[in-house]
Amino acid sequence: MASPRHVGPPDGGWGWMIVAGCFLVTICTRAVTRCISIFFVEFQAYFGQDYARTAWIHSIVDCATMLCGLGFALCYSPAIAMVGKYFNKRKALAYGIAMSGSGIGTFILAPVVQLLIEQFSWHGALLILGGFVLNLCVCGALMRPIALKEDCKTAPEFLEQDYVPEEQKRDLKRMSICSPLIKVWSHECLCYCSRKEYDFLLMPGFMVLAVSILFMAYGCSPLFVYLVPYALSVGVSHHQAAFLMSILGVIDIIGNVTFGWLTDRRCLKKHRHFCYLFAVGMDGLCCLFLPVLQNFPLLVPFSFTFGYFDGAYVTLIPVVTADVVGTSSLSSALGVVYFLHAIPYLVSPPVAGWLVDTTGSYTASFLLCGFSMIFSSMLLCFARLAKKIKRMHLRSLTNDISTKQHIWTNGAIAYSVTAELDQKDGEFLAADTNIYGNR
């Protein structure tokens, strides 16, 4: 049976179970992916390869998640989209809680993975992580679909309204939409729905956001790959390096929840874009300062700062996307946004590794990451300012036109009144002349 259509997102109810399911999904996907950084040195020693080649392991995992609809992608993107379907007024808070699973998972799994590697080698550690990831099946059971009135019409409804004669409507109600007998009609319907569903691709706001996402994704990915190897290269122990990842993860949670709560406040709700670009820019600045932080006491504040703002902007990606394209296109738009992460995720860790192999230092890699994220933030900032200036200019033009119209209308009225008075004066003058002539 078709689920009843809701006027708008319920902002609660089963939506909190969706949030819980998405929370577990982010633990099993993003947190596990981050922990591959702890395996980096083990892979490099076991296979005897350089930084650039070893980095392909992590980059291919991230790329496949965002690009192919394979593996983690079948869980991650749908879970995030479902949260947007169930929440509107408290959307940022819901996403903050859901996305905090990445930070909590990193905080817990980082030391656990290091312990598993020491006890069972990296082979056994990966097997145990694989068993843990099977909990995604439980998360999928929580994802109950919801139908909103603003969504695109379903194929049967569309066919019944526009394409099918009355005699065949009764037959269609007895058949599945997958029946070969209605392929022609369903093809026309699906083409219409697909065009409508992806109209947002031509929106200027989404285009700017997409380009900004490309540079942001390029800058953020290498740090999760090279933080542990960099810490080890400056003399930090294995357990301290894993602890840096734990700090980053737990502060990530605080960034998720606090930024989600703050941007739901009335005073900041209209400025979510600027909150997002501020968080991205701050992470870029952290990357620029990382090469001068060469001991554990200095790397701890870095993990705090980078982790907080990483959690902040990750929470706001779905919220900002929804603000740009609307709730009805959110699922498709998020698919495109995470697809755009794929190429930078694939390319940036090997490029950063090649720079390390070539220069013998992490400085060039971290500087490139920092400038990439700052450029992403500045691009979105200038685009928003340009849009605001254009809007103010159009508003002033509208006011000028309305003022001129008002003046013209008043002038026309004054002219008509004057003409009428002149006519009356002429009539009175003619009457006086006639009277004087008669006398």
Protein backbone atom coordinates (compact mmCIF):
# COMPACT_ATOMS: atom_id res chain seq x y z
CA MET A 1 0.00 0.00 0.00
CA ALA A 2 1.18 3.51 -0.79
CA SER A 3 2.27 5.45 2.28
CA PRO A 4 0.15 8.53 3.10
CA ARG A 5 1.52 11.84 1.88
CA HIS A 6 2.55 14.40 4.51
CA VAL A 7 2.13 18.12 3.98
CA GLY A 8 5.69 18.69 5.23
CA PRO A 9 8.49 16.96 7.15
CA PRO A 10 7.20 15.81 10.58
CA ASP A 11 10.24 17.19 12.48
CA GLY A 12 10.13 14.34 14.98
CA GLY A 13 8.40 11.02 15.57
CA TRP A 14 10.06 8.26 13.58
CA GLY A 15 12.46 10.91 12.32
CA TRP A 16 14.54 10.44 15.47
CA MET A 17 14.93 6.76 14.61
CA ILE A 18 16.13 7.87 11.18
CA VAL A 19 18.67 10.10 12.94
CA ALA A 20 19.79 7.13 15.08
CA GLY A 21 20.15 4.97 11.97
CA CYS A 22 22.16 7.65 10.17
CA PHE A 23 24.32 8.05 13.29
CA LEU A 24 25.22 4.34 13.16
CA VAL A 25 25.78 4.52 9.40
CA THR A 26 28.34 7.32 9.78
CA ILE A 27 30.15 5.29 12.45
CA CYS A 28 30.34 2.23 10.21
CA THR A 29 31.35 4.16 7.09
CA ARG A 30 33.14 7.47 7.67
CA ALA A 31 34.74 6.54 10.99
CA VAL A 32 36.04 3.23 9.64
CA THR A 33 37.38 5.02 6.56
CA ARG A 34 39.23 7.54 8.73
CA CYS A 35 40.84 4.74 10.69
CA ILE A 36 42.53 3.53 7.51
CA SER A 37 45.02 6.32 8.26
CA ILE A 38 46.24 4.18 11.17
CA PHE A 39 46.87 1.32 8.73
CA PHE A 40 48.95 3.58 6.45
CA VAL A 41 52.33 2.90 8.03
CA GLU A 42 51.55 -0.83 8.27
CA PHE A 43 50.63 -0.99 4.58
CA GLN A 44 53.73 0.97 3.62
CA ALA A 45 56.04 -1.33 5.61
CA TYR A 46 54.35 -4.56 4.46
CA PHE A 47 54.22 -3.74 0.74
CA GLY A 48 57.43 -1.69 0.64
CA GLN A 49 55.89 1.15 -1.37
CA ASP A 50 56.29 4.94 -1.29
CA TYR A 51 53.78 7.47 0.05
CA ALA A 52 52.09 8.16 -3.29
CA ARG A 53 51.33 4.51 -4.10
CA THR A 54 50.27 3.61 -0.58
CA ALA A 55 47.87 6.56 -0.51
CA TRP A 56 45.85 5.00 -3.33
CA ILE A 57 44.37 2.52 -0.83
CA HIS A 58 42.63 5.22 1.17
CA SER A 59 41.76 7.40 -1.82
CA ILE A 60 40.08 4.51 -3.70
CA VAL A 61 37.96 3.69 -0.64
CA ASP A 62 36.76 7.31 -0.40
CA CYS A 63 36.28 7.63 -4.15
CA ALA A 64 34.24 4.43 -4.43
CA THR A 65 32.02 5.60 -1.57
CA MET A 66 31.24 8.92 -3.27
CA LEU A 67 31.33 7.91 -6.94
CA CYS A 68 30.04 4.40 -7.69
CA GLY A 69 27.02 3.43 -5.68
CA LEU A 70 29.08 0.53 -4.37
CA GLY A 71 29.84 -0.53 -0.86
CA PHE A 72 29.48 2.27 1.68
CA ALA A 73 27.77 4.51 -0.91
CA LEU A 74 24.65 2.31 -0.80
CA CYS A 75 24.28 3.21 2.88
CA TYR A 76 25.84 6.65 3.38
CA SER A 77 24.05 8.87 0.84
CA PRO A 78 20.53 7.41 1.35
CA ALA A 79 20.80 7.68 5.13
CA ILE A 80 21.77 11.35 4.94
CA ALA A 81 19.00 12.11 2.46
CA MET A 82 16.41 10.42 4.72
CA VAL A 83 17.23 12.80 7.58
CA GLY A 84 16.48 15.75 5.29
CA LYS A 85 13.11 14.21 4.39
CA TYR A 86 12.03 13.94 8.04
CA PHE A 87 13.24 17.33 9.33
CA ASN A 88 12.81 20.97 8.34
CA LYS A 89 12.69 23.33 11.33
CA ARG A 90 15.26 21.31 13.27
CA LYS A 91 17.17 20.09 10.24
CA ALA A 92 20.59 21.41 11.28
CA LEU A 93 20.31 19.88 14.77
CA ALA A 94 19.17 16.54 13.33
CA TYR A 95 22.10 16.49 10.93
CA GLY A 96 24.45 17.52 13.73
CA ILE A 97 23.43 14.50 15.80
CA ALA A 98 23.43 12.13 12.82
CA MET A 99 26.82 13.23 11.49
CA SER A 100 28.42 13.14 14.93
CA GLY A 101 28.65 9.38 14.49
CA SER A 102 31.75 10.00 12.42
CA GLY A 103 33.46 11.74 15.33
CA ILE A 104 32.31 9.30 18.02
CA GLY A 105 33.32 6.37 15.83
CA THR A 106 36.77 7.86 15.22
CA PHE A 107 37.23 8.58 18.93
CA ILE A 108 36.41 4.98 19.87
CA LEU A 109 37.85 3.10 16.92
CA ALA A 110 41.23 4.85 16.61
CA PRO A 111 42.80 3.38 19.80
CA VAL A 112 40.89 0.11 19.32
CA VAL A 113 42.27 -0.31 15.79
CA GLN A 114 45.80 0.39 17.01
CA LEU A 115 45.33 -2.27 19.72
CA LEU A 116 43.91 -4.74 17.17
CA ILE A 117 46.89 -4.19 14.87
CA GLU A 118 49.29 -4.89 17.72
CA GLN A 119 47.40 -8.04 18.76
CA PHE A 120 46.27 -9.55 15.44
CA SER A 121 48.32 -7.69 12.76
CA TRP A 122 46.63 -5.53 10.15
CA HIS A 123 45.06 -8.61 8.51
CA GLY A 124 43.14 -9.59 11.63
CA ALA A 125 42.24 -5.98 12.41
CA LEU A 126 40.60 -5.58 9.01
CA LEU A 127 38.62 -8.80 9.46
CA ILE A 128 37.26 -7.60 12.79
CA LEU A 129 36.35 -4.21 11.31
CA GLY A 130 34.53 -6.02 8.51
CA GLY A 131 32.39 -7.87 11.04
CA PHE A 132 31.63 -4.60 12.81
CA VAL A 133 30.52 -2.97 9.55
CA LEU A 134 27.84 -5.66 9.13
CA ASN A 135 25.78 -3.59 11.58
CA LEU A 136 24.82 -1.52 8.53
CA CYS A 137 22.11 -4.14 7.91
CA VAL A 138 20.45 -3.08 11.17
CA CYS A 139 20.65 0.58 10.16
CA GLY A 140 18.91 -0.17 6.86
CA ALA A 141 15.96 -1.72 8.69
CA LEU A 142 15.28 1.65 10.39
CA MET A 143 14.98 3.61 7.14
CA ARG A 144 11.19 3.89 6.72
CA PRO A 145 10.27 5.83 3.53
CA ILE A 146 8.14 8.95 3.79
CA ALA A 147 6.05 10.58 1.04
CA LEU A 148 5.80 14.38 0.96
CA LYS A 149 3.33 16.33 -1.15
CA GLU A 150 6.12 18.41 -2.65
CA ASP A 151 7.84 15.34 -4.06
CA CYS A 152 7.67 14.54 -7.75
CA LYS A 153 4.55 12.65 -8.79
CA THR A 154 4.92 8.91 -8.86
CA ALA A 155 4.74 7.12 -12.18
CA PRO A 156 1.28 5.53 -11.67
CA GLU A 157 -0.30 8.84 -10.64
CA PHE A 158 1.30 10.65 -13.54
CA LEU A 159 0.16 8.01 -16.01
CA GLU A 160 -3.36 8.06 -14.69
CA GLN A 161 -3.58 11.82 -15.07
CA ASP A 162 -2.02 12.50 -18.44
CA TYR A 163 -1.06 9.62 -20.67
CA VAL A 164 -3.48 6.71 -20.36
CA PRO A 165 -6.99 6.48 -21.83
CA GLU A 166 -9.88 5.73 -19.49
CA GLU A 167 -10.27 2.12 -20.65
CA GLN A 168 -6.65 1.32 -19.82
CA LYS A 169 -6.58 3.02 -16.44
CA ARG A 170 -8.55 0.15 -14.91
CA ASP A 171 -6.05 -2.33 -16.33
CA LEU A 172 -3.07 -0.33 -15.05
CA LYS A 173 -4.41 -0.44 -11.53
CA ARG A 174 -4.20 -4.24 -11.69
CA MET A 175 -0.65 -4.27 -13.02
CA SER A 176 2.74 -3.39 -11.59
CA ILE A 177 4.57 -0.35 -12.90
CA CYS A 178 7.28 -2.73 -14.10
CA SER A 179 4.91 -4.51 -16.51
CA PRO A 180 6.20 -4.54 -20.12
CA LEU A 181 2.74 -3.48 -21.31
CA ILE A 182 3.21 0.05 -20.03
CA LYS A 183 6.86 0.60 -20.94
CA VAL A 184 6.06 3.37 -23.40
CA TRP A 185 3.98 5.37 -20.94
CA SER A 186 6.34 4.81 -18.02
CA HIS A 187 9.30 5.85 -20.19
CA GLU A 188 7.65 9.19 -20.97
CA CYS A 189 6.76 9.68 -17.31
CA LEU A 190 10.23 8.83 -16.04
CA CYS A 191 11.86 11.16 -18.57
CA TYR A 192 9.61 13.97 -17.34
CA CYS A 193 10.34 13.22 -13.66
CA SER A 194 14.09 12.94 -14.31
CA ARG A 195 14.20 16.32 -16.03
CA LYS A 196 12.25 17.89 -13.20
CA GLU A 197 14.34 16.15 -10.54
CA TYR A 198 17.65 17.46 -11.89
CA ASP A 199 16.59 21.01 -12.75
CA PHE A 200 18.74 22.21 -9.85
CA LEU A 201 21.91 21.47 -11.86
CA LEU A 202 21.31 24.68 -13.84
CA MET A 203 20.79 26.84 -10.76
CA PRO A 204 23.66 29.38 -10.38
CA GLY A 205 23.67 28.92 -6.61
CA PHE A 206 24.16 25.17 -6.93
CA MET A 207 26.89 25.59 -9.55
CA VAL A 208 28.93 27.81 -7.24
CA LEU A 209 28.36 25.41 -4.35
CA ALA A 210 29.52 22.50 -6.52
CA VAL A 211 32.80 24.21 -7.47
CA SER A 212 33.37 25.15 -3.83
CA ILE A 213 32.78 21.52 -2.80
CA LEU A 214 35.46 20.33 -5.26
CA PHE A 215 38.18 22.48 -3.68
CA MET A 216 36.98 21.76 -0.14
CA ALA A 217 37.09 18.00 -0.74
CA TYR A 218 40.57 18.25 -2.25
CA GLY A 219 41.86 20.05 0.82
CA CYS A 220 40.29 17.96 3.59
CA SER A 221 41.07 14.42 2.42
CA PRO A 222 44.90 14.22 2.72
CA LEU A 223 44.94 15.28 6.36
CA PHE A 224 43.04 12.19 7.49
CA VAL A 225 45.51 10.05 5.54
CA TYR A 226 48.74 11.73 6.66
CA LEU A 227 48.08 13.00 10.19
CA VAL A 228 49.28 9.77 11.80
CA PRO A 229 52.32 9.30 9.48
CA TYR A 230 53.26 12.97 9.98
CA ALA A 231 53.00 12.64 13.76
CA LEU A 232 55.20 9.54 13.66
CA SER A 233 57.75 11.36 11.47
CA VAL A 234 58.20 14.12 14.09
CA GLY A 235 58.83 11.64 16.91
CA VAL A 236 55.34 11.00 18.30
CA SER A 237 54.69 7.42 19.46
CA HIS A 238 52.14 5.12 17.81
CA HIS A 239 49.70 5.38 20.70
CA GLN A 240 49.99 9.17 20.84
CA ALA A 241 49.42 9.38 17.08
CA ALA A 242 46.27 7.24 17.43
CA PHE A 243 45.21 9.47 20.33
CA LEU A 244 45.43 12.50 18.03
CA MET A 245 42.85 10.83 15.79
CA SER A 246 40.69 10.16 18.86
CA ILE A 247 40.85 13.82 19.90
CA LEU A 248 39.95 14.88 16.39
CA GLY A 249 36.99 12.50 16.45
CA VAL A 250 35.53 13.52 19.81
CA ILE A 251 35.87 17.26 19.08
CA ASP A 252 34.26 16.55 15.72
CA ILE A 253 31.15 15.54 17.69
CA ILE A 254 31.07 18.88 19.51
CA GLY A 255 31.36 20.70 16.17
CA ASN A 256 28.52 18.61 14.72
CA VAL A 257 26.08 19.25 17.54
CA THR A 258 26.93 22.84 18.50
CA PHE A 259 26.99 24.19 14.94
CA GLY A 260 23.83 22.26 14.17
CA TRP A 261 22.09 23.79 17.18
CA LEU A 262 23.45 27.30 16.59
CA THR A 263 22.49 27.48 12.92
CA ASP A 264 18.94 26.44 13.80
CA ARG A 265 18.60 29.63 15.89
CA ARG A 266 16.54 32.40 14.32
CA CYS A 267 19.46 34.85 14.35
CA LEU A 268 21.76 32.53 12.36
CA LYS A 269 19.31 30.53 10.26
CA LYS A 270 19.53 33.01 7.40
CA HIS A 271 23.34 32.95 7.51
CA ARG A 272 24.02 29.22 7.22
CA HIS A 273 26.12 29.75 4.10
CA PHE A 274 28.46 32.10 5.94
CA CYS A 275 28.72 29.71 8.89
CA TYR A 276 29.67 26.95 6.45
CA LEU A 277 32.32 28.98 4.63
CA PHE A 278 33.74 30.23 7.94
CA ALA A 279 34.19 26.65 9.15
CA VAL A 280 35.85 25.59 5.88
CA GLY A 281 38.16 28.61 5.98
CA MET A 282 39.22 27.86 9.57
CA ASP A 283 40.12 24.29 8.64
CA GLY A 284 42.20 25.69 5.79
CA LEU A 285 44.09 27.94 8.21
CA CYS A 286 44.74 24.94 10.48
CA CYS A 287 46.34 23.07 7.57
CA LEU A 288 48.58 26.05 6.79
CA PHE A 289 49.97 26.07 10.34
CA LEU A 290 50.38 22.29 10.63
CA PRO A 291 53.98 22.08 9.22
CA VAL A 292 55.34 24.17 12.13
CA LEU A 293 53.69 21.94 14.76
CA GLN A 294 56.35 19.29 15.33
CA ASN A 295 55.66 17.74 18.72
CA PHE A 296 52.74 16.14 20.53
CA PRO A 297 51.80 19.12 22.80
CA LEU A 298 51.43 21.33 19.70
CA LEU A 299 49.58 18.74 17.64
CA VAL A 300 46.91 18.33 20.33
CA PRO A 301 45.51 21.90 19.88
CA PHE A 302 45.58 21.35 16.14
CA SER A 303 43.43 18.23 16.51
CA PHE A 304 41.00 20.18 18.68
CA THR A 305 40.64 23.07 16.24
CA PHE A 306 40.60 21.10 13.01
CA GLY A 307 38.22 18.51 14.44
CA TYR A 308 35.75 21.13 15.66
CA PHE A 309 35.44 22.99 12.37
CA ASP A 310 35.51 19.76 10.37
CA GLY A 311 32.45 18.60 12.29
CA ALA A 312 30.85 22.02 11.77
CA TYR A 313 31.03 22.17 7.99
CA VAL A 314 30.26 18.46 7.51
CA THR A 315 27.01 19.04 9.38
CA LEU A 316 26.15 22.05 7.23
CA ILE A 317 26.77 20.45 3.81
CA PRO A 318 23.29 18.80 3.64
CA VAL A 319 21.66 21.86 5.26
CA VAL A 320 23.22 24.33 2.81
CA THR A 321 22.38 22.02 -0.09
CA ALA A 322 18.75 21.86 1.04
CA ASP A 323 18.63 25.66 1.32
CA VAL A 324 19.87 25.96 -2.27
CA VAL A 325 17.78 23.29 -4.05
CA GLY A 326 14.83 22.68 -1.70
CA THR A 327 13.69 19.54 0.10
CA SER A 328 12.03 17.91 -2.90
CA SER A 329 15.36 17.68 -4.79
CA LEU A 330 17.55 17.07 -1.73
CA SER A 331 18.16 13.37 -2.35
CA SER A 332 19.34 13.91 -5.93
CA ALA A 333 21.32 17.02 -5.01
CA LEU A 334 23.14 15.21 -2.20
CA GLY A 335 23.97 12.44 -4.63
CA VAL A 336 25.57 15.00 -6.93
CA VAL A 337 27.36 16.75 -4.04
CA TYR A 338 28.88 13.52 -2.75
CA PHE A 339 29.68 12.49 -6.33
CA LEU A 340 31.69 15.72 -6.58
CA HIS A 341 33.72 14.59 -3.55
CA ALA A 342 34.83 11.50 -5.46
CA ILE A 343 37.43 12.93 -7.84
CA PRO A 344 39.24 15.08 -5.22
CA TYR A 345 39.16 12.16 -2.79
CA LEU A 346 40.73 9.94 -5.44
CA VAL A 347 43.41 12.39 -6.56
CA SER A 348 44.45 14.44 -3.53
CA PRO A 349 46.05 11.77 -1.25
CA PRO A 350 48.31 10.39 -4.03
CA VAL A 351 49.25 13.94 -5.08
CA ALA A 352 50.07 14.81 -1.48
CA GLY A 353 52.07 11.57 -1.20
CA TRP A 354 53.97 12.40 -4.40
CA LEU A 355 54.86 15.82 -2.93
CA VAL A 356 56.14 14.11 0.22
CA ASP A 357 58.22 11.67 -1.85
CA THR A 358 59.58 14.49 -4.03
CA THR A 359 60.33 17.12 -1.39
CA GLY A 360 61.02 14.83 1.55
CA SER A 361 58.68 16.94 3.67
CA TYR A 362 54.97 17.26 4.43
CA THR A 363 55.04 21.07 4.13
CA ALA A 364 54.04 21.38 0.47
CA SER A 365 51.22 18.85 0.88
CA PHE A 366 49.66 20.61 3.89
CA LEU A 367 50.05 24.07 2.32
CA LEU A 368 48.27 22.90 -0.83
CA CYS A 369 45.44 21.49 1.28
CA GLY A 370 45.12 24.71 3.27
CA PHE A 371 45.04 27.01 0.27
CA SER A 372 42.53 24.75 -1.48
CA MET A 373 40.09 24.97 1.45
CA ILE A 374 40.56 28.72 1.83
CA PHE A 375 39.89 29.19 -1.90
CA SER A 376 36.73 27.11 -1.52
CA SER A 377 35.56 29.38 1.29
CA MET A 378 36.45 32.61 -0.52
CA LEU A 379 34.74 31.50 -3.73
CA LEU A 380 31.46 30.89 -1.93
CA CYS A 381 31.84 34.14 0.01
CA PHE A 382 32.35 36.27 -3.12
CA ALA A 383 29.45 34.52 -4.86
CA ARG A 384 27.11 35.29 -1.95
CA LEU A 385 28.28 38.90 -1.81
CA ALA A 386 27.81 39.29 -5.58
CA LYS A 387 24.30 37.87 -5.29
CA LYS A 388 23.50 40.27 -2.45
CA ILE A 389 24.85 43.28 -4.39
CA LYS A 390 22.86 42.27 -7.47
CA ARG A 391 19.72 41.90 -5.37
CA MET A 392 20.25 45.36 -3.82
CA HIS A 393 20.82 46.83 -7.28
CA LEU A 394 17.64 45.27 -8.63
CA ARG A 395 15.74 46.51 -5.59
CA SER A 396 17.00 50.05 -6.14
CA LEU A 397 16.04 49.88 -9.81
CA THR A 398 12.59 48.67 -8.84
CA ASN A 399 12.24 51.53 -6.37
CA ASP A 400 13.35 54.06 -9.01
CA ILE A 401 10.88 52.70 -11.52
CA SER A 402 8.05 52.74 -9.00
CA THR A 403 8.99 56.30 -7.99
CA LYS A 404 8.99 57.44 -11.61
CA GLN A 405 5.67 55.74 -12.18
CA HIS A 406 4.30 57.49 -9.10
CA ILE A 407 5.58 60.86 -10.32
CA TRP A 408 4.23 60.24 -13.81
CA THR A 409 0.85 59.22 -12.38
CA ASN A 410 0.71 62.29 -10.16
CA GLY A 411 1.76 64.47 -13.08
CA ALA A 412 -0.90 62.98 -15.31
CA ILE A 413 -3.52 63.56 -12.63
CA ALA A 414 -2.34 67.13 -12.10
CA TYR A 415 -2.38 67.76 -15.84
CA SER A 416 -5.91 66.39 -16.19
CA VAL A 417 -7.11 68.48 -13.25
CA THR A 418 -5.46 71.60 -14.70
CA ALA A 419 -7.00 70.96 -18.12
CA GLU A 420 -10.41 70.48 -16.54
CA LEU A 421 -10.03 73.74 -14.58
CA ASP A 422 -8.94 75.58 -17.74
CA GLN A 423 -11.99 74.23 -19.50
CA LYS A 424 -14.24 75.40 -16.68
CA ASP A 425 -12.58 78.85 -16.72
CA GLY A 426 -13.20 79.07 -20.46
CA GLU A 427 -16.84 78.21 -20.01
CA PHE A 428 -17.25 80.85 -17.29
CA LEU A 429 -15.47 83.46 -19.43
CA ALA A 430 -17.74 82.70 -22.41
CA ALA A 431 -20.81 82.98 -20.18
CA ASP A 432 -19.66 86.37 -18.85
CA THR A 433 -19.02 87.59 -22.37
CA ASN A 434 -22.52 86.61 -23.48
CA ILE A 435 -24.08 88.35 -20.48
CA TYR A 436 -22.07 91.54 -21.12
CA GLY A 437 -23.02 91.46 -24.81
CA ASN A 438 -26.71 91.12 -24.02
CA ARG A 439 -26.51 94.12 -21.73
